[in-house]
Amino acid sequence: MRYAILFVIVLSNLAAKAQAVGKMFPAMEAETVEDKKVKLPDDVKGKYTLLGLAYSKKSEDELNSWFQPVFEKFIQKTSGVLSGFSYDVNVYFVPMFTGVNAAATGTAKRKAIKNIDPQLLPYILFYKGELKPYKEALDFEKRDIPYFFVLDATGKIVYATSGKYSSDKMDKVEEVMEE
């Protein structure tokens, strides 16, 4: 019986993620630590984009587990023999500040400047506003986990996953970007 319940939970998680795949990523305006506005997906069209979204402190911690592996795989420029194997993709981590937490956006930016590797800062966007349209469009109901979306060059979601970083999840992200 326990396995049947677990199977149903796994299937419902897969179904939720699958519902977002094939849809256009909903319009979102976010900003960098320097207050530069970035409009998703419009400003990232033309190449693949990996977006990580989190809307609670606990999910932000799991979002952070992706920073180093994503930096090493998609952002850091390789040299020498491996220089031809780098990806030309957009990458953004997006902490979402909604409701009463929206007032904390400025504080979060200041903390990011102080505590996050300066090489990563350009890849962090801060969203402040309504959560409901994104929860509905992207099927993310669990507030304590981050959600990741791979967008194609047109802004359409071609892969979705959630939770803490794993090499299996990264392999799938890479596989989708190489198709």
C-alpha atoms as a PDB file:
ATOM      1  CA  MET A   1       0.000   0.000   0.000  1.00  0.00           C
ATOM      2  CA  ARG A   2       2.817   2.405   0.902  1.00  0.00           C
ATOM      3  CA  TYR A   3       4.385   1.900  -2.544  1.00  0.00           C
ATOM      4  CA  ALA A   4       1.084   2.595  -4.265  1.00  0.00           C
ATOM      5  CA  ILE A   5       0.762   5.919  -2.439  1.00  0.00           C
ATOM      6  CA  LEU A   6       4.344   6.851  -3.270  1.00  0.00           C
ATOM      7  CA  PHE A   7       3.723   5.938  -6.921  1.00  0.00           C
ATOM      8  CA  VAL A   8       0.642   8.185  -7.018  1.00  0.00           C
ATOM      9  CA  ILE A   9       2.632  11.073  -5.486  1.00  0.00           C
ATOM     10  CA  VAL A  10       5.439  10.627  -8.032  1.00  0.00           C
ATOM     11  CA  LEU A  11       2.942  10.449 -10.899  1.00  0.00           C
ATOM     12  CA  SER A  12       1.110  13.581  -9.764  1.00  0.00           C
ATOM     13  CA  ASN A  13       4.440  15.474  -9.548  1.00  0.00           C
ATOM     14  CA  LEU A  14       5.352  14.339 -13.048  1.00  0.00           C
ATOM     15  CA  ALA A  15       1.942  15.323 -14.367  1.00  0.00           C
ATOM     16  CA  ALA A  16       2.205  18.810 -12.852  1.00  0.00           C
ATOM     17  CA  LYS A  17       5.613  19.388 -14.423  1.00  0.00           C
ATOM     18  CA  ALA A  18       4.447  17.967 -17.737  1.00  0.00           C
ATOM     19  CA  GLN A  19       1.548  20.450 -17.801  1.00  0.00           C
ATOM     20  CA  ALA A  20       3.998  23.378 -18.055  1.00  0.00           C
ATOM     21  CA  VAL A  21       6.051  21.776 -20.842  1.00  0.00           C
ATOM     22  CA  GLY A  22       4.953  23.012 -24.254  1.00  0.00           C
ATOM     23  CA  LYS A  23       3.568  26.314 -22.930  1.00  0.00           C
ATOM     24  CA  MET A  24       5.175  29.696 -23.420  1.00  0.00           C
ATOM     25  CA  PHE A  25       6.833  30.976 -20.257  1.00  0.00           C
ATOM     26  CA  PRO A  26       4.518  33.669 -18.824  1.00  0.00           C
ATOM     27  CA  ALA A  27       5.699  37.276 -19.014  1.00  0.00           C
ATOM     28  CA  MET A  28       7.663  38.289 -15.928  1.00  0.00           C
ATOM     29  CA  GLU A  29       9.554  41.462 -15.154  1.00  0.00           C
ATOM     30  CA  ALA A  30      12.420  41.042 -12.707  1.00  0.00           C
ATOM     31  CA  GLU A  31      15.542  43.020 -11.912  1.00  0.00           C
ATOM     32  CA  THR A  32      19.222  42.534 -11.235  1.00  0.00           C
ATOM     33  CA  VAL A  33      21.007  43.619  -8.042  1.00  0.00           C
ATOM     34  CA  GLU A  34      21.806  46.857  -9.911  1.00  0.00           C
ATOM     35  CA  ASP A  35      18.047  47.423 -10.518  1.00  0.00           C
ATOM     36  CA  LYS A  36      18.301  46.721 -14.269  1.00  0.00           C
ATOM     37  CA  LYS A  37      14.964  45.407 -15.558  1.00  0.00           C
ATOM     38  CA  VAL A  38      14.866  42.057 -17.357  1.00  0.00           C
ATOM     39  CA  LYS A  39      11.694  40.917 -19.122  1.00  0.00           C
ATOM     40  CA  LEU A  40      11.248  37.177 -19.333  1.00  0.00           C
ATOM     41  CA  PRO A  41      10.955  35.540 -21.798  1.00  0.00           C
ATOM     42  CA  ASP A  42      11.334  38.498 -24.222  1.00  0.00           C
ATOM     43  CA  ASP A  43      14.872  39.472 -23.193  1.00  0.00           C
ATOM     44  CA  VAL A  44      16.183  35.895 -23.438  1.00  0.00           C
ATOM     45  CA  LYS A  45      14.780  34.881 -26.802  1.00  0.00           C
ATOM     46  CA  GLY A  46      17.239  33.597 -29.361  1.00  0.00           C
ATOM     47  CA  LYS A  47      18.886  30.862 -27.298  1.00  0.00           C
ATOM     48  CA  TYR A  48      18.100  28.283 -24.643  1.00  0.00           C
ATOM     49  CA  THR A  49      17.447  29.601 -21.139  1.00  0.00           C
ATOM     50  CA  LEU A  50      17.554  27.850 -17.776  1.00  0.00           C
ATOM     51  CA  LEU A  51      15.401  29.539 -15.140  1.00  0.00           C
ATOM     52  CA  GLY A  52      15.265  28.575 -11.463  1.00  0.00           C
ATOM     53  CA  LEU A  53      12.412  30.070  -9.429  1.00  0.00           C
ATOM     54  CA  ALA A  54      11.916  29.985  -5.657  1.00  0.00           C
ATOM     55  CA  TYR A  55       9.270  31.668  -3.530  1.00  0.00           C
ATOM     56  CA  SER A  56      10.096  30.716   0.073  1.00  0.00           C
ATOM     57  CA  LYS A  57      13.191  30.765   2.276  1.00  0.00           C
ATOM     58  CA  LYS A  58      13.353  26.962   2.340  1.00  0.00           C
ATOM     59  CA  SER A  59      13.036  26.717  -1.448  1.00  0.00           C
ATOM     60  CA  GLU A  60      15.712  29.395  -1.799  1.00  0.00           C
ATOM     61  CA  ASP A  61      18.150  27.156   0.071  1.00  0.00           C
ATOM     62  CA  GLU A  62      17.505  24.330  -2.415  1.00  0.00           C
ATOM     63  CA  LEU A  63      17.752  26.822  -5.291  1.00  0.00           C
ATOM     64  CA  ASN A  64      21.223  27.722  -4.000  1.00  0.00           C
ATOM     65  CA  SER A  65      22.268  24.049  -4.331  1.00  0.00           C
ATOM     66  CA  TRP A  66      22.155  24.599  -8.104  1.00  0.00           C
ATOM     67  CA  PHE A  67      24.432  27.682  -8.161  1.00  0.00           C
ATOM     68  CA  GLN A  68      27.854  26.063  -8.327  1.00  0.00           C
ATOM     69  CA  PRO A  69      27.012  23.159 -10.694  1.00  0.00           C
ATOM     70  CA  VAL A  70      25.121  25.470 -13.074  1.00  0.00           C
ATOM     71  CA  PHE A  71      27.923  28.034 -12.934  1.00  0.00           C
ATOM     72  CA  GLU A  72      30.515  25.380 -13.777  1.00  0.00           C
ATOM     73  CA  LYS A  73      28.430  23.815 -16.557  1.00  0.00           C
ATOM     74  CA  PHE A  74      26.831  26.798 -18.304  1.00  0.00           C
ATOM     75  CA  ILE A  75      28.438  30.073 -17.223  1.00  0.00           C
ATOM     76  CA  GLN A  76      32.140  29.597 -16.518  1.00  0.00           C
ATOM     77  CA  LYS A  77      34.170  29.956 -19.686  1.00  0.00           C
ATOM     78  CA  THR A  78      36.435  27.035 -20.378  1.00  0.00           C
ATOM     79  CA  SER A  79      39.823  27.407 -21.996  1.00  0.00           C
ATOM     80  CA  GLY A  80      42.302  25.154 -23.714  1.00  0.00           C
ATOM     81  CA  VAL A  81      41.151  21.834 -25.146  1.00  0.00           C
ATOM     82  CA  LEU A  82      37.633  22.194 -23.682  1.00  0.00           C
ATOM     83  CA  SER A  83      36.976  25.722 -24.986  1.00  0.00           C
ATOM     84  CA  GLY A  84      34.826  24.450 -27.855  1.00  0.00           C
ATOM     85  CA  PHE A  85      32.504  22.602 -25.472  1.00  0.00           C
ATOM     86  CA  SER A  86      30.883  25.531 -23.689  1.00  0.00           C
ATOM     87  CA  TYR A  87      27.146  26.228 -23.867  1.00  0.00           C
ATOM     88  CA  ASP A  88      25.678  29.458 -25.216  1.00  0.00           C
ATOM     89  CA  VAL A  89      22.666  29.696 -22.915  1.00  0.00           C
ATOM     90  CA  ASN A  90      20.983  32.218 -20.650  1.00  0.00           C
ATOM     91  CA  VAL A  91      20.845  31.290 -16.975  1.00  0.00           C
ATOM     92  CA  TYR A  92      18.868  33.062 -14.268  1.00  0.00           C
ATOM     93  CA  PHE A  93      18.021  32.211 -10.678  1.00  0.00           C
ATOM     94  CA  VAL A  94      14.888  34.098  -9.620  1.00  0.00           C
ATOM     95  CA  PRO A  95      13.925  34.484  -5.969  1.00  0.00           C
ATOM     96  CA  MET A  96      10.276  35.622  -5.971  1.00  0.00           C
ATOM     97  CA  PHE A  97       9.084  38.147  -3.388  1.00  0.00           C
ATOM     98  CA  THR A  98       5.318  38.269  -3.117  1.00  0.00           C
ATOM     99  CA  GLY A  99       2.697  39.590  -0.733  1.00  0.00           C
ATOM    100  CA  VAL A 100       4.144  40.913   2.526  1.00  0.00           C
ATOM    101  CA  ASN A 101       7.579  39.586   1.530  1.00  0.00           C
ATOM    102  CA  ALA A 102       7.743  41.971  -1.455  1.00  0.00           C
ATOM    103  CA  ALA A 103       9.012  44.670   0.908  1.00  0.00           C
ATOM    104  CA  ALA A 104      12.109  42.532   1.575  1.00  0.00           C
ATOM    105  CA  THR A 105      13.383  42.702  -2.016  1.00  0.00           C
ATOM    106  CA  GLY A 106      15.821  45.550  -1.324  1.00  0.00           C
ATOM    107  CA  THR A 107      17.209  43.795   1.743  1.00  0.00           C
ATOM    108  CA  ALA A 108      17.622  40.576  -0.256  1.00  0.00           C
ATOM    109  CA  LYS A 109      19.551  42.437  -2.961  1.00  0.00           C
ATOM    110  CA  ARG A 110      21.910  43.962  -0.391  1.00  0.00           C
ATOM    111  CA  LYS A 111      22.474  40.533   1.206  1.00  0.00           C
ATOM    112  CA  ALA A 112      23.153  39.014  -2.222  1.00  0.00           C
ATOM    113  CA  ILE A 113      25.778  41.662  -2.997  1.00  0.00           C
ATOM    114  CA  LYS A 114      27.451  40.938   0.338  1.00  0.00           C
ATOM    115  CA  ASN A 115      27.189  37.137   0.432  1.00  0.00           C
ATOM    116  CA  ILE A 116      27.134  35.793  -3.137  1.00  0.00           C
ATOM    117  CA  ASP A 117      30.143  35.295  -5.394  1.00  0.00           C
ATOM    118  CA  PRO A 118      30.338  38.435  -7.596  1.00  0.00           C
ATOM    119  CA  GLN A 119      30.641  36.189 -10.675  1.00  0.00           C
ATOM    120  CA  LEU A 120      27.127  34.830  -9.954  1.00  0.00           C
ATOM    121  CA  LEU A 121      25.374  38.155  -9.279  1.00  0.00           C
ATOM    122  CA  PRO A 122      24.560  38.930 -12.951  1.00  0.00           C
ATOM    123  CA  TYR A 123      22.616  35.650 -13.085  1.00  0.00           C
ATOM    124  CA  ILE A 124      20.307  36.420 -10.173  1.00  0.00           C
ATOM    125  CA  LEU A 125      17.060  38.257 -10.847  1.00  0.00           C
ATOM    126  CA  PHE A 126      14.651  39.484  -8.205  1.00  0.00           C
ATOM    127  CA  TYR A 127      10.923  39.291  -8.880  1.00  0.00           C
ATOM    128  CA  LYS A 128       8.498  41.365  -6.825  1.00  0.00           C
ATOM    129  CA  GLY A 129       4.760  41.050  -7.426  1.00  0.00           C
ATOM    130  CA  GLU A 130       1.887  38.606  -7.743  1.00  0.00           C
ATOM    131  CA  LEU A 131       2.542  34.892  -7.343  1.00  0.00           C
ATOM    132  CA  LYS A 132      -0.837  33.504  -8.444  1.00  0.00           C
ATOM    133  CA  PRO A 133      -0.394  33.920 -12.233  1.00  0.00           C
ATOM    134  CA  TYR A 134       2.896  31.976 -12.100  1.00  0.00           C
ATOM    135  CA  LYS A 135       1.590  29.260  -9.792  1.00  0.00           C
ATOM    136  CA  GLU A 136      -1.284  28.698 -12.237  1.00  0.00           C
ATOM    137  CA  ALA A 137       0.728  28.891 -15.466  1.00  0.00           C
ATOM    138  CA  LEU A 138       3.747  26.923 -14.242  1.00  0.00           C
ATOM    139  CA  ASP A 139       2.012  24.422 -11.963  1.00  0.00           C
ATOM    140  CA  PHE A 140       4.134  25.018  -8.915  1.00  0.00           C
ATOM    141  CA  GLU A 141       2.172  24.416  -5.768  1.00  0.00           C
ATOM    142  CA  LYS A 142       4.792  23.345  -3.218  1.00  0.00           C
ATOM    143  CA  ARG A 143       6.300  26.478  -1.735  1.00  0.00           C
ATOM    144  CA  ASP A 144       9.280  24.738  -0.136  1.00  0.00           C
ATOM    145  CA  ILE A 145      10.997  23.594  -3.331  1.00  0.00           C
ATOM    146  CA  PRO A 146      12.476  25.524  -6.271  1.00  0.00           C
ATOM    147  CA  TYR A 147      11.248  24.995  -9.825  1.00  0.00           C
ATOM    148  CA  PHE A 148      13.424  24.903 -12.925  1.00  0.00           C
ATOM    149  CA  PHE A 149      12.412  25.501 -16.512  1.00  0.00           C
ATOM    150  CA  VAL A 150      14.358  25.169 -19.733  1.00  0.00           C
ATOM    151  CA  LEU A 151      13.047  27.529 -22.400  1.00  0.00           C
ATOM    152  CA  ASP A 152      13.810  27.107 -26.074  1.00  0.00           C
ATOM    153  CA  ALA A 153      14.899  30.025 -28.276  1.00  0.00           C
ATOM    154  CA  THR A 154      11.265  31.199 -28.610  1.00  0.00           C
ATOM    155  CA  GLY A 155      10.515  31.221 -24.869  1.00  0.00           C
ATOM    156  CA  LYS A 156       8.558  27.946 -24.862  1.00  0.00           C
ATOM    157  CA  ILE A 157       9.080  25.596 -21.901  1.00  0.00           C
ATOM    158  CA  VAL A 158      10.733  22.419 -23.170  1.00  0.00           C
ATOM    159  CA  TYR A 159      11.643  20.861 -19.807  1.00  0.00           C
ATOM    160  CA  ALA A 160      10.642  21.334 -16.174  1.00  0.00           C
ATOM    161  CA  THR A 161      11.932  19.893 -12.916  1.00  0.00           C
ATOM    162  CA  SER A 162      11.981  20.847  -9.256  1.00  0.00           C
ATOM    163  CA  GLY A 163      13.820  20.419  -5.999  1.00  0.00           C
ATOM    164  CA  LYS A 164      17.400  20.207  -4.870  1.00  0.00           C
ATOM    165  CA  TYR A 165      20.202  19.799  -7.409  1.00  0.00           C
ATOM    166  CA  SER A 166      21.090  16.308  -8.606  1.00  0.00           C
ATOM    167  CA  SER A 167      23.373  15.141 -11.394  1.00  0.00           C
ATOM    168  CA  ASP A 168      20.423  13.280 -12.978  1.00  0.00           C
ATOM    169  CA  LYS A 169      18.443  16.532 -13.219  1.00  0.00           C
ATOM    170  CA  MET A 170      21.464  18.328 -14.685  1.00  0.00           C
ATOM    171  CA  ASP A 171      21.945  15.519 -17.233  1.00  0.00           C
ATOM    172  CA  LYS A 172      18.324  15.951 -18.373  1.00  0.00           C
ATOM    173  CA  VAL A 173      18.741  19.747 -18.657  1.00  0.00           C
ATOM    174  CA  GLU A 174      21.840  19.213 -20.817  1.00  0.00           C
ATOM    175  CA  GLU A 175      20.125  16.567 -22.912  1.00  0.00           C
ATOM    176  CA  VAL A 176      17.214  18.919 -23.696  1.00  0.00           C
ATOM    177  CA  MET A 177      19.596  21.737 -24.660  1.00  0.00           C
ATOM    178  CA  GLU A 178      21.548  19.468 -27.007  1.00  0.00           C
ATOM    179  CA  GLU A 179      18.515  18.285 -29.007  1.00  0.00           C
END
